[in-house]
Amino acid sequence: MLALSDDPTRADLDRRIADAKAAVRAEEASVRKPEKGYKQGSRVLAELIGAPLGGGVIGYALDRWLGTSPWALLIVLTLSVIVAFRNIYKISKERAE
């Protein structure tokens, strides 16, 4: 009777497991970390999208509430774009992490 360590299917299984573990380690090593400044880019994108969108919603709501269509929307939207660009300028002055 063959011992468990002498079993050819066991040896084949051990070799395949070792190969799979090596492939997983190689794949994990090849995964790149985000580039420097990725966080800042995400913040800039959030400012470019969020500020005008929020200003538009608030301006529209004010217009509906006060009956000043389209003036509150235009004023709040313009102010939100100005604030977004000011924040982007401040973000660009920060050091990339």
Protein backbone atom coordinates (compact mmCIF):
# COMPACT_ATOMS: atom_id res chain seq x y z
CA MET A 1 0.00 0.00 0.00
CA LEU A 2 1.27 3.49 -0.87
CA ALA A 3 1.93 5.99 1.84
CA LEU A 4 0.06 9.27 1.57
CA SER A 5 3.27 11.17 0.79
CA ASP A 6 4.13 8.74 -2.07
CA ASP A 7 0.77 9.18 -3.83
CA PRO A 8 1.35 10.68 -7.32
CA THR A 9 -2.01 12.46 -7.33
CA ARG A 10 -1.13 14.07 -4.01
CA ALA A 11 2.19 15.30 -5.42
CA ASP A 12 0.42 16.66 -8.50
CA LEU A 13 -2.13 18.44 -6.33
CA ASP A 14 0.61 19.97 -4.16
CA ARG A 15 2.45 21.19 -7.27
CA ARG A 16 -0.72 22.77 -8.70
CA ILE A 17 -1.49 24.49 -5.39
CA ALA A 18 2.05 25.86 -5.22
CA ASP A 19 1.76 27.12 -8.82
CA ALA A 20 -1.57 28.80 -8.06
CA LYS A 21 -0.15 30.49 -4.94
CA ALA A 22 2.83 31.75 -6.96
CA ALA A 23 0.47 33.13 -9.63
CA VAL A 24 -1.59 34.94 -6.99
CA ARG A 25 1.56 36.45 -5.43
CA ALA A 26 2.76 37.60 -8.85
CA GLU A 27 -0.63 39.17 -9.60
CA GLU A 28 -0.71 40.98 -6.25
CA ALA A 29 2.80 42.32 -6.87
CA SER A 30 1.79 43.65 -10.30
CA VAL A 31 -1.19 45.65 -8.98
CA ARG A 32 -0.22 49.32 -9.12
CA LYS A 33 -0.98 51.79 -6.41
CA PRO A 34 -2.74 55.00 -7.47
CA GLU A 35 -0.44 57.64 -8.85
CA LYS A 36 0.60 60.58 -6.76
CA GLY A 37 -2.06 63.28 -6.82
CA TYR A 38 -4.95 60.88 -7.49
CA LYS A 39 -6.71 62.10 -4.37
CA GLN A 40 -6.38 65.72 -5.47
CA GLY A 41 -7.74 64.90 -8.90
CA SER A 42 -10.77 63.29 -7.32
CA ARG A 43 -11.34 66.38 -5.18
CA VAL A 44 -11.10 68.66 -8.23
CA LEU A 45 -13.60 66.51 -10.11
CA ALA A 46 -15.97 66.59 -7.16
CA GLU A 47 -15.74 70.39 -7.04
CA LEU A 48 -16.34 70.72 -10.78
CA ILE A 49 -19.43 68.54 -10.62
CA GLY A 50 -20.79 69.14 -7.14
CA ALA A 51 -20.64 72.90 -6.77
CA PRO A 52 -22.50 73.85 -9.97
CA LEU A 53 -24.98 71.01 -9.49
CA GLY A 54 -25.69 72.07 -5.91
CA GLY A 55 -25.89 75.73 -6.89
CA GLY A 56 -28.30 74.89 -9.68
CA VAL A 57 -30.57 72.92 -7.37
CA ILE A 58 -30.55 75.62 -4.70
CA GLY A 59 -31.10 78.38 -7.28
CA TYR A 60 -33.99 76.51 -8.87
CA ALA A 61 -35.58 75.93 -5.46
CA LEU A 62 -35.22 79.62 -4.57
CA ASP A 63 -36.77 80.61 -7.90
CA ARG A 64 -39.76 78.36 -7.30
CA TRP A 65 -40.16 79.56 -3.72
CA LEU A 66 -39.67 83.30 -4.37
CA GLY A 67 -41.09 83.44 -7.91
CA THR A 68 -37.98 85.19 -9.27
CA SER A 69 -37.38 82.89 -12.23
CA PRO A 70 -34.54 82.78 -13.62
CA TRP A 71 -32.60 85.31 -11.53
CA ALA A 72 -31.95 83.33 -8.36
CA LEU A 73 -30.85 80.36 -10.45
CA LEU A 74 -28.41 82.47 -12.46
CA ILE A 75 -26.98 84.27 -9.45
CA VAL A 76 -26.55 81.17 -7.26
CA LEU A 77 -25.16 79.14 -10.17
CA THR A 78 -22.63 81.88 -10.99
CA LEU A 79 -21.58 82.11 -7.35
CA SER A 80 -21.23 78.34 -7.08
CA VAL A 81 -18.99 78.20 -10.17
CA ILE A 82 -16.82 80.98 -8.75
CA VAL A 83 -16.54 79.15 -5.42
CA ALA A 84 -15.72 75.89 -7.23
CA PHE A 85 -12.86 77.51 -9.13
CA ARG A 86 -11.59 79.18 -5.97
CA ASN A 87 -11.56 75.80 -4.21
CA ILE A 88 -9.81 74.18 -7.17
CA TYR A 89 -7.17 76.90 -7.02
CA LYS A 90 -6.67 76.18 -3.31
CA ILE A 91 -6.44 72.44 -4.00
CA SER A 92 -3.84 73.04 -6.69
CA LYS A 93 -1.65 74.88 -4.16
CA GLU A 94 -1.57 71.84 -1.86
CA ARG A 95 1.23 69.36 -2.08
CA ALA A 96 0.35 66.05 -3.77
CA GLU A 97 0.17 63.07 -1.43
